[in-house]
Amino acid sequence: MEITLDKHSANQASIKIKLTEADYQPKVDAKLKDYAKKANIRGFRPGKAPVSMVKNMYGTSILVEEINGILGESLNSYLKEQTFRVLGDPLPVENVEDSIDWKTQKDFDFEYKIGFVENFELPLDKNIKATKYSIKVDDKLVEETIENLKSQYGNSTNPETAEAGDNVYGDLAAAETSFNKAVSLDLTKITKKLAGKFIGQGKDAVIEFEAKDVKKGQWEEAFGLSAEEAEAVQGALTFTIKNVNRTEEAELNQEFFDKIFGPDQVKTEEEFTAKVKETLQGNYDKESKVFTEEELKKVLVDNANLDLPEAFLKEWLFKANEGKVTVEDVEKEFPIYAKQLIWSLVSNELAKAHDIKAEHEDVIAKTKEMIREQFAASGLGSQMEDSMDMFVDNYLKGEEGQNYMNMLTSVQNEKVLSFVQDKIDLEEKDISIDEFKELLEN
């Protein structure tokens, strides 16, 4: 057997494998004899058919099977010996096998395309600069949150007439386009001038106004119309009130405190305000951690400066998912795939270089944390703790074990990022909620 490597570029190559009869014939002969011992051929007792007859009947299929086995094993062994990292799977060069005469040919030549990246190192030192963001919850956000909670948990009433801040339900009609639809209008989401026409009005009142009185975006946000419906609303309009809905704010009392945080968790307004701030800060700490880690990934990926074999990977992705995706799908999704692939290479390199390992116990702990958060969000909380081990086991066995591998990768990434932050020049920066939103938009 002869295997040769021909590098076409810095990240793509072809591998040629030449097989002679001596490479495969012993295995083919052994398989033919084994078939002959088991074959049940008409006219012969079981296992007594001549090997020559078995060869005529099954020889070609056995030959193809054994050569494919030799190719797969040899190719894998050869690639493991190389210093570069193979990406995807080797792709057979098309039309090579189509030209083979399996009946008479003795020597065979096969060719495969591969994509790879050379081994690389990513030194961690103060030359790598990144920012660790910390979102600070201010008193304004706490006050806004409490006001929203008071409205959310308040009592709903249907007063006789509308006031500022109410919702009015009724029929919106445009005579010019024959548009008519029952809608719920939030008076806080239209202009004060237009909202003033509804103030003091009650059931069966008809409010007249012009489509131009409604600002861009308010048709969707305040009236709940689709973009298509908003285009149909033109000229003179009427709104016939059918009902007025008002939410009276909840009082800051023990009943309200218990609804938000559970029985007797807080007992005074001061404790409630502090608990709201603590909860908000905890939530934003998680968000800032995720954001910081994503930004750090970008920095590490940029510093790795890896050049992917883009053409090869696109071809491999298309063929590996043949029938499920189009060439256009691959082109569209490739930038996302490429970023994830480079980060995976970087994370694995750093884990290997610094002996960072994701242990089984880490996977269990992280899975428990995830499940607890899901329970808390659904209101089940600590009452499910006794069955936690069962939930963890069921989840990690899901998707034929892929959930476990995904969690293992997630743990490794977290450990790598934590390790990196201690080695590089990491600037800590406090930001407000508004500044954080700006960062997300950019």
Protein backbone atom coordinates (compact mmCIF):
# COMPACT_ATOMS: atom_id res chain seq x y z
CA MET A 1 0.00 0.00 0.00
CA GLU A 2 1.19 3.49 -0.82
CA ILE A 3 -0.26 6.66 0.72
CA THR A 4 0.79 10.13 -0.45
CA LEU A 5 -0.24 13.60 0.68
CA ASP A 6 -0.37 16.58 -1.66
CA LYS A 7 -0.99 19.94 0.02
CA HIS A 8 -2.69 22.31 -2.41
CA SER A 9 -2.76 25.25 -0.02
CA ALA A 10 -2.26 26.16 3.62
CA ASN A 11 -5.45 24.35 4.61
CA GLN A 12 -6.51 21.96 1.83
CA ALA A 13 -4.88 18.81 0.47
CA SER A 14 -5.51 15.54 -1.34
CA ILE A 15 -4.58 12.06 -0.15
CA LYS A 16 -3.94 9.30 -2.67
CA ILE A 17 -4.03 5.65 -1.65
CA LYS A 18 -2.68 2.94 -3.96
CA LEU A 19 -3.67 -0.67 -3.21
CA THR A 20 -2.07 -3.71 -4.76
CA GLU A 21 -3.43 -7.25 -4.76
CA ALA A 22 -1.18 -8.19 -1.82
CA ASP A 23 -2.91 -5.53 0.34
CA TYR A 24 -6.41 -6.92 0.08
CA GLN A 25 -6.38 -10.46 -1.38
CA PRO A 26 -5.56 -12.36 1.86
CA LYS A 27 -8.56 -10.77 3.58
CA VAL A 28 -10.80 -11.44 0.58
CA ASP A 29 -9.73 -15.11 0.46
CA ALA A 30 -10.33 -15.52 4.18
CA LYS A 31 -13.79 -13.98 3.87
CA LEU A 32 -14.63 -16.24 0.87
CA LYS A 33 -13.67 -19.35 2.86
CA ASP A 34 -15.79 -18.15 5.76
CA TYR A 35 -18.74 -17.61 3.41
CA ALA A 36 -18.24 -21.06 1.92
CA LYS A 37 -18.49 -22.66 5.38
CA LYS A 38 -21.81 -20.91 6.04
CA ALA A 39 -23.36 -20.68 2.58
CA ASN A 40 -26.59 -22.55 1.91
CA ILE A 41 -26.53 -23.06 -1.89
CA ARG A 42 -29.05 -25.17 -3.72
CA GLY A 43 -27.61 -28.54 -4.78
CA PHE A 44 -25.00 -28.61 -2.03
CA ARG A 45 -25.13 -29.52 1.61
CA PRO A 46 -24.75 -26.46 3.92
CA GLY A 47 -21.11 -25.38 3.99
CA LYS A 48 -20.04 -27.79 1.22
CA ALA A 49 -20.29 -25.49 -1.82
CA PRO A 50 -16.96 -25.00 -3.68
CA VAL A 51 -15.10 -21.78 -2.88
CA SER A 52 -14.95 -21.07 -6.64
CA MET A 53 -18.74 -21.04 -6.81
CA VAL A 54 -19.01 -18.79 -3.76
CA LYS A 55 -16.46 -16.48 -5.38
CA ASN A 56 -18.52 -16.24 -8.57
CA MET A 57 -21.61 -15.42 -6.54
CA TYR A 58 -20.21 -13.13 -3.83
CA GLY A 59 -16.63 -12.33 -4.85
CA THR A 60 -17.20 -8.79 -6.13
CA SER A 61 -19.27 -7.68 -3.14
CA ILE A 62 -16.72 -9.17 -0.74
CA LEU A 63 -13.90 -7.45 -2.61
CA VAL A 64 -15.63 -4.05 -2.42
CA GLU A 65 -16.43 -4.55 1.26
CA GLU A 66 -12.88 -5.50 2.21
CA ILE A 67 -11.27 -2.71 0.17
CA ASN A 68 -13.58 -0.14 1.73
CA GLY A 69 -12.64 -1.46 5.17
CA ILE A 70 -8.91 -1.25 4.37
CA LEU A 71 -9.34 2.29 2.98
CA GLY A 72 -11.22 3.53 6.04
CA GLU A 73 -8.78 2.03 8.52
CA SER A 74 -5.69 3.13 6.60
CA LEU A 75 -6.96 6.65 6.03
CA ASN A 76 -7.86 7.14 9.70
CA SER A 77 -4.51 5.79 10.88
CA TYR A 78 -2.61 7.99 8.44
CA LEU A 79 -4.47 11.15 9.46
CA LYS A 80 -3.89 10.47 13.16
CA GLU A 81 -0.15 10.48 12.49
CA GLN A 82 -0.21 13.97 10.97
CA THR A 83 0.59 17.16 12.85
CA PHE A 84 -2.33 19.10 11.39
CA ARG A 85 -5.96 18.90 12.53
CA VAL A 86 -8.41 17.50 9.99
CA LEU A 87 -11.74 19.33 9.77
CA GLY A 88 -14.90 17.53 8.76
CA ASP A 89 -14.45 14.18 7.00
CA PRO A 90 -12.32 13.24 3.98
CA LEU A 91 -14.32 13.53 0.75
CA PRO A 92 -13.78 10.91 -1.97
CA VAL A 93 -12.88 12.50 -5.29
CA GLU A 94 -15.89 11.96 -7.51
CA ASN A 95 -15.90 9.53 -10.45
CA VAL A 96 -12.84 7.55 -9.23
CA GLU A 97 -14.83 4.49 -8.16
CA ASP A 98 -17.07 4.76 -11.24
CA SER A 99 -14.08 3.94 -13.47
CA ILE A 100 -13.07 0.80 -11.54
CA ASP A 101 -13.47 -2.61 -13.14
CA TRP A 102 -14.01 -4.76 -10.05
CA LYS A 103 -14.01 -7.99 -12.07
CA THR A 104 -10.55 -7.75 -13.64
CA GLN A 105 -8.64 -4.91 -11.96
CA LYS A 106 -5.84 -5.88 -9.57
CA ASP A 107 -4.41 -2.51 -8.50
CA PHE A 108 -6.59 0.34 -7.29
CA ASP A 109 -6.04 4.07 -6.90
CA PHE A 110 -8.23 6.18 -4.62
CA GLU A 111 -8.14 9.89 -3.89
CA TYR A 112 -9.66 11.97 -1.08
CA LYS A 113 -9.91 15.70 -0.42
CA ILE A 114 -9.30 16.97 3.10
CA GLY A 115 -9.48 20.32 4.87
CA PHE A 116 -7.29 21.06 7.85
CA VAL A 117 -5.61 23.64 10.05
CA GLU A 118 -2.02 23.36 11.14
CA ASN A 119 -1.34 22.92 14.84
CA PHE A 120 -1.24 26.28 16.56
CA GLU A 121 -0.47 27.79 19.93
CA LEU A 122 -2.26 30.65 21.65
CA PRO A 123 0.00 32.20 24.31
CA LEU A 124 -1.96 33.74 27.18
CA ASP A 125 -0.37 36.93 28.47
CA LYS A 126 -1.08 40.59 29.13
CA ASN A 127 -0.80 41.37 25.42
CA ILE A 128 -4.30 39.96 25.04
CA LYS A 129 -6.75 42.63 26.17
CA ALA A 130 -10.44 42.19 26.95
CA THR A 131 -13.16 43.80 29.05
CA LYS A 132 -15.17 42.28 31.87
CA TYR A 133 -18.52 44.03 32.09
CA SER A 134 -20.54 44.39 35.26
CA ILE A 135 -24.08 45.76 35.00
CA LYS A 136 -25.03 47.88 37.99
CA VAL A 137 -28.68 48.06 39.04
CA ASP A 138 -29.57 51.63 40.05
CA ASP A 139 -32.45 52.95 42.17
CA LYS A 140 -34.34 54.12 39.07
CA LEU A 141 -34.55 50.57 37.68
CA VAL A 142 -35.62 49.23 41.08
CA GLU A 143 -38.42 51.80 41.30
CA GLU A 144 -39.57 51.05 37.74
CA THR A 145 -39.58 47.33 38.47
CA ILE A 146 -41.64 47.77 41.63
CA GLU A 147 -44.15 49.97 39.76
CA ASN A 148 -44.46 47.30 37.05
CA LEU A 149 -44.99 44.61 39.69
CA LYS A 150 -47.68 46.71 41.39
CA SER A 151 -49.48 47.07 38.05
CA GLN A 152 -48.99 43.44 37.10
CA TYR A 153 -50.40 42.14 40.39
CA GLY A 154 -53.04 44.83 40.80
CA ASN A 155 -56.81 44.40 40.57
CA SER A 156 -58.54 44.88 37.22
CA THR A 157 -61.67 47.05 37.13
CA ASN A 158 -64.05 48.40 34.48
CA PRO A 159 -64.79 52.04 35.33
CA GLU A 160 -67.53 54.08 33.68
CA THR A 161 -65.12 56.54 32.02
CA ALA A 162 -61.50 56.40 30.85
CA GLU A 163 -58.54 58.04 32.55
CA ALA A 164 -54.90 58.39 31.52
CA GLY A 165 -53.17 55.01 31.66
CA ASP A 166 -56.31 52.96 30.94
CA ASN A 167 -56.92 50.46 28.17
CA VAL A 168 -60.04 50.95 26.07
CA TYR A 169 -61.65 48.15 24.12
CA GLY A 170 -63.76 48.92 21.08
CA ASP A 171 -64.28 49.02 17.31
CA LEU A 172 -61.80 50.89 15.11
CA ALA A 173 -63.22 51.86 11.70
CA ALA A 174 -61.96 53.69 8.62
CA ALA A 175 -64.75 54.79 6.27
CA GLU A 176 -62.35 55.45 3.39
CA THR A 177 -61.05 51.86 3.22
CA SER A 178 -63.99 50.05 4.87
CA PHE A 179 -61.57 48.83 7.56
CA ASN A 180 -63.18 47.63 10.78
CA LYS A 181 -61.66 45.71 13.66
CA ALA A 182 -62.18 45.21 17.38
CA VAL A 183 -59.03 46.32 19.19
CA SER A 184 -57.69 46.97 22.68
CA LEU A 185 -55.99 50.38 22.84
CA ASP A 186 -53.32 51.20 25.44
CA LEU A 187 -53.66 54.93 26.05
CA THR A 188 -50.10 55.16 27.37
CA LYS A 189 -48.71 54.19 23.97
CA ILE A 190 -50.25 56.96 21.85
CA THR A 191 -49.61 60.71 21.91
CA LYS A 192 -50.98 62.68 24.87
CA LYS A 193 -53.02 64.78 22.47
CA LEU A 194 -54.79 61.76 20.96
CA ALA A 195 -55.16 60.04 24.34
CA GLY A 196 -56.89 63.23 25.60
CA LYS A 197 -59.83 62.56 23.26
CA PHE A 198 -60.54 59.33 25.18
CA ILE A 199 -60.24 60.81 28.68
CA GLY A 200 -63.66 61.12 30.35
CA GLN A 201 -65.37 59.04 27.67
CA GLY A 202 -67.27 55.85 28.42
CA LYS A 203 -69.17 52.96 26.86
CA ASP A 204 -70.72 53.64 23.42
CA ALA A 205 -68.83 56.92 23.03
CA VAL A 206 -67.55 57.49 19.48
CA ILE A 207 -64.09 59.07 19.26
CA GLU A 208 -63.24 60.74 15.94
CA PHE A 209 -59.65 61.32 14.80
CA GLU A 210 -57.40 61.15 11.72
CA ALA A 211 -54.96 58.39 10.78
CA LYS A 212 -52.20 61.03 10.69
CA ASP A 213 -52.72 61.56 14.44
CA VAL A 214 -51.13 58.13 15.07
CA LYS A 215 -47.34 58.11 14.95
CA LYS A 216 -45.20 55.51 13.19
CA GLY A 217 -45.10 52.24 15.10
CA GLN A 218 -48.10 53.08 17.30
CA TRP A 219 -50.55 51.15 15.12
CA GLU A 220 -48.67 47.98 15.98
CA GLU A 221 -47.65 48.80 19.57
CA ALA A 222 -50.77 50.60 20.85
CA PHE A 223 -53.60 49.25 18.65
CA GLY A 224 -52.15 45.76 18.07
CA LEU A 225 -52.49 45.93 14.28
CA SER A 226 -50.29 44.07 11.83
CA ALA A 227 -48.15 46.05 9.37
CA GLU A 228 -50.61 45.09 6.62
CA GLU A 229 -53.61 46.28 8.63
CA ALA A 230 -51.85 49.53 9.51
CA GLU A 231 -51.54 50.36 5.81
CA ALA A 232 -55.31 49.95 5.39
CA VAL A 233 -56.08 52.48 8.12
CA GLN A 234 -56.30 55.83 6.32
CA GLY A 235 -58.16 59.10 6.47
CA ALA A 236 -60.94 59.79 8.98
CA LEU A 237 -61.32 57.20 11.74
CA THR A 238 -63.78 56.38 14.49
CA PHE A 239 -63.27 54.39 17.68
CA THR A 240 -66.48 53.18 19.36
CA ILE A 241 -65.75 52.37 23.01
CA LYS A 242 -67.19 49.06 24.23
CA ASN A 243 -65.40 48.83 27.55
CA VAL A 244 -62.79 50.57 29.73
CA ASN A 245 -60.17 48.44 31.50
CA ARG A 246 -58.14 49.74 34.39
CA THR A 247 -55.61 48.05 36.63
CA GLU A 248 -55.46 49.43 40.13
CA GLU A 249 -51.98 49.17 41.57
CA ALA A 250 -51.43 46.57 44.25
CA GLU A 251 -50.68 47.83 47.74
CA LEU A 252 -47.27 47.21 49.28
CA ASN A 253 -48.51 44.83 51.95
CA GLN A 254 -47.70 41.31 53.16
CA GLU A 255 -50.10 39.70 50.67
CA PHE A 256 -48.26 41.42 47.81
CA PHE A 257 -44.82 40.54 49.20
CA ASP A 258 -45.84 36.87 49.50
CA LYS A 259 -47.10 36.79 45.89
CA ILE A 260 -43.76 38.01 44.60
CA PHE A 261 -41.23 36.17 46.77
CA GLY A 262 -43.18 33.48 48.60
CA PRO A 263 -44.60 33.35 52.13
CA ASP A 264 -42.76 35.42 54.75
CA GLN A 265 -39.61 35.93 52.66
CA VAL A 266 -39.83 39.69 53.24
CA LYS A 267 -41.95 41.57 55.77
CA THR A 268 -41.33 45.30 55.24
CA GLU A 269 -41.16 47.71 52.30
CA GLU A 270 -37.44 48.16 52.95
CA GLU A 271 -36.85 44.40 52.84
CA PHE A 272 -38.99 44.13 49.70
CA THR A 273 -37.05 46.88 47.91
CA ALA A 274 -33.74 45.29 48.90
CA LYS A 275 -34.93 41.88 47.69
CA VAL A 276 -36.04 43.31 44.34
CA LYS A 277 -32.65 44.96 43.90
CA GLU A 278 -30.84 41.75 44.88
CA THR A 279 -32.91 39.70 42.42
CA LEU A 280 -32.39 42.18 39.59
CA GLN A 281 -28.65 42.30 40.28
CA GLY A 282 -28.46 38.51 40.26
CA ASN A 283 -30.22 38.33 36.91
CA TYR A 284 -28.05 41.03 35.36
CA ASP A 285 -24.90 39.42 36.78
CA LYS A 286 -25.77 36.34 34.73
CA GLU A 287 -26.40 38.45 31.62
CA SER A 288 -23.16 40.40 31.99
CA LYS A 289 -21.25 37.13 32.54
CA VAL A 290 -22.65 35.66 29.33
CA PHE A 291 -21.93 38.87 27.41
CA THR A 292 -18.38 39.10 28.76
CA GLU A 293 -17.69 35.49 27.82
CA GLU A 294 -19.01 35.97 24.29
CA GLU A 295 -16.84 39.06 23.84
CA LEU A 296 -13.84 37.17 25.24
CA LYS A 297 -14.43 34.36 22.76
CA LYS A 298 -14.25 36.90 19.93
CA VAL A 299 -10.94 38.23 21.27
CA LEU A 300 -9.42 34.75 21.55
CA VAL A 301 -10.67 33.74 18.10
CA ASP A 302 -9.16 36.90 16.59
CA ASN A 303 -5.83 36.27 18.33
CA ALA A 304 -5.74 32.66 17.10
CA ASN A 305 -5.90 33.99 13.52
CA LEU A 306 -6.96 30.65 12.03
CA ASP A 307 -7.59 30.31 8.31
CA LEU A 308 -10.33 27.76 7.64
CA PRO A 309 -10.59 25.76 4.39
CA GLU A 310 -13.85 27.49 3.50
CA ALA A 311 -14.50 25.89 0.09
CA PHE A 312 -13.85 22.38 1.44
CA LEU A 313 -16.03 22.88 4.54
CA LYS A 314 -18.94 24.18 2.49
CA GLU A 315 -18.74 21.16 0.20
CA TRP A 316 -18.49 18.80 3.19
CA LEU A 317 -21.43 20.44 4.99
CA PHE A 318 -23.59 20.14 1.88
CA LYS A 319 -22.73 16.47 1.29
CA ALA A 320 -22.94 15.51 4.97
CA ASN A 321 -26.47 16.96 5.07
CA GLU A 322 -27.47 16.03 1.52
CA GLY A 323 -31.21 16.20 1.03
CA LYS A 324 -31.65 18.33 4.14
CA VAL A 325 -30.02 21.59 3.04
CA THR A 326 -29.40 23.50 -0.18
CA VAL A 327 -26.20 25.17 -1.35
CA GLU A 328 -27.87 28.49 -0.52
CA ASP A 329 -28.58 27.27 3.05
CA VAL A 330 -24.91 26.37 3.52
CA GLU A 331 -23.76 29.76 2.23
CA LYS A 332 -26.15 31.58 4.54
CA GLU A 333 -25.31 29.63 7.70
CA PHE A 334 -21.57 29.20 7.09
CA PRO A 335 -20.38 32.38 8.90
CA ILE A 336 -22.07 31.19 12.11
CA TYR A 337 -20.69 27.68 11.69
CA ALA A 338 -17.17 29.02 11.03
CA LYS A 339 -17.17 31.11 14.22
CA GLN A 340 -18.34 28.15 16.29
CA LEU A 341 -15.74 25.87 14.71
CA ILE A 342 -12.85 28.26 15.35
CA TRP A 343 -13.93 28.75 18.95
CA SER A 344 -14.11 24.97 19.41
CA LEU A 345 -10.55 24.63 18.06
CA VAL A 346 -9.32 27.43 20.33
CA SER A 347 -11.08 26.04 23.41
CA ASN A 348 -9.70 22.54 22.81
CA GLU A 349 -6.18 23.89 22.24
CA LEU A 350 -6.23 25.91 25.47
CA ALA A 351 -7.70 22.98 27.41
CA LYS A 352 -4.98 20.68 26.10
CA ALA A 353 -2.13 23.18 26.64
CA HIS A 354 -3.14 23.96 30.23
CA ASP A 355 -4.54 20.57 31.28
CA ILE A 356 -8.08 21.90 31.74
CA LYS A 357 -10.58 19.05 32.06
CA ALA A 358 -14.33 18.85 32.38
CA GLU A 359 -15.01 16.17 34.99
CA HIS A 360 -18.16 14.08 35.31
CA GLU A 361 -18.95 15.76 38.64
CA ASP A 362 -18.85 19.15 36.90
CA VAL A 363 -21.38 17.96 34.34
CA ILE A 364 -23.73 16.74 37.06
CA ALA A 365 -23.44 20.02 38.99
CA LYS A 366 -24.09 22.17 35.92
CA THR A 367 -27.06 20.07 34.86
CA LYS A 368 -28.57 20.38 38.34
CA GLU A 369 -28.12 24.15 38.18
CA MET A 370 -29.88 24.30 34.82
CA ILE A 371 -32.79 22.16 35.97
CA ARG A 372 -33.21 24.16 39.20
CA GLU A 373 -33.48 27.35 37.17
CA GLN A 374 -36.12 25.75 34.96
CA PHE A 375 -38.09 24.61 38.01
CA ALA A 376 -37.83 28.04 39.62
CA ALA A 377 -39.10 29.73 36.45
CA SER A 378 -42.11 27.41 36.38
CA GLY A 379 -42.87 28.02 40.06
CA LEU A 380 -42.08 24.46 41.17
CA GLY A 381 -38.85 25.28 42.98
CA SER A 382 -37.54 23.28 45.92
CA GLN A 383 -40.45 20.83 45.97
CA MET A 384 -38.80 18.99 43.04
CA GLU A 385 -35.40 18.68 44.76
CA ASP A 386 -36.05 15.14 46.02
CA SER A 387 -36.35 13.93 42.41
CA MET A 388 -33.36 15.92 41.14
CA ASP A 389 -31.10 12.91 40.50
CA MET A 390 -33.76 11.30 38.33
CA PHE A 391 -34.26 14.49 36.28
CA VAL A 392 -30.50 14.87 35.78
CA ASP A 393 -30.07 11.25 34.71
CA ASN A 394 -32.98 11.42 32.25
CA TYR A 395 -31.71 14.65 30.72
CA LEU A 396 -28.10 13.52 30.28
CA LYS A 397 -29.21 10.27 28.63
CA GLY A 398 -31.44 12.18 26.20
CA GLU A 399 -30.73 12.54 22.48
CA GLU A 400 -28.75 9.27 22.60
CA GLY A 401 -26.20 10.78 24.97
CA GLN A 402 -25.68 13.98 22.97
CA ASN A 403 -27.02 16.06 25.88
CA TYR A 404 -24.17 14.74 28.03
CA MET A 405 -21.56 15.63 25.40
CA ASN A 406 -23.05 19.10 24.96
CA MET A 407 -22.94 19.69 28.70
CA LEU A 408 -19.36 18.37 28.85
CA THR A 409 -18.36 20.87 26.15
CA SER A 410 -20.16 23.68 27.96
CA VAL A 411 -18.30 22.90 31.21
CA GLN A 412 -14.96 22.84 29.41
CA ASN A 413 -15.67 26.18 27.75
CA GLU A 414 -16.55 27.75 31.09
CA LYS A 415 -13.36 26.42 32.69
CA VAL A 416 -11.25 27.63 29.77
CA LEU A 417 -12.77 31.12 29.87
CA SER A 418 -12.34 31.33 33.64
CA PHE A 419 -8.68 30.29 33.31
CA VAL A 420 -8.07 32.79 30.51
CA GLN A 421 -9.41 35.72 32.50
CA ASP A 422 -6.66 35.25 35.10
CA LYS A 423 -3.92 35.27 32.47
CA ILE A 424 -4.75 38.18 30.16
CA ASP A 425 -5.13 41.94 30.57
CA LEU A 426 -8.78 42.04 31.67
CA GLU A 427 -10.23 45.50 32.34
CA GLU A 428 -13.23 45.50 34.68
CA LYS A 429 -15.90 48.00 33.68
CA ASP A 430 -19.16 48.91 35.42
CA ILE A 431 -21.97 49.86 33.04
CA SER A 432 -25.60 50.90 33.35
CA ILE A 433 -28.58 49.05 31.91
CA ASP A 434 -28.85 51.59 29.08
CA GLU A 435 -25.14 51.21 28.25
CA PHE A 436 -25.56 47.45 28.22
CA LYS A 437 -28.47 47.73 25.78
CA GLU A 438 -26.31 49.88 23.51
CA LEU A 439 -23.58 47.23 23.56
CA LEU A 440 -26.10 44.56 22.59
CA GLU A 441 -27.40 46.67 19.70
CA ASN A 442 -23.88 47.19 18.38
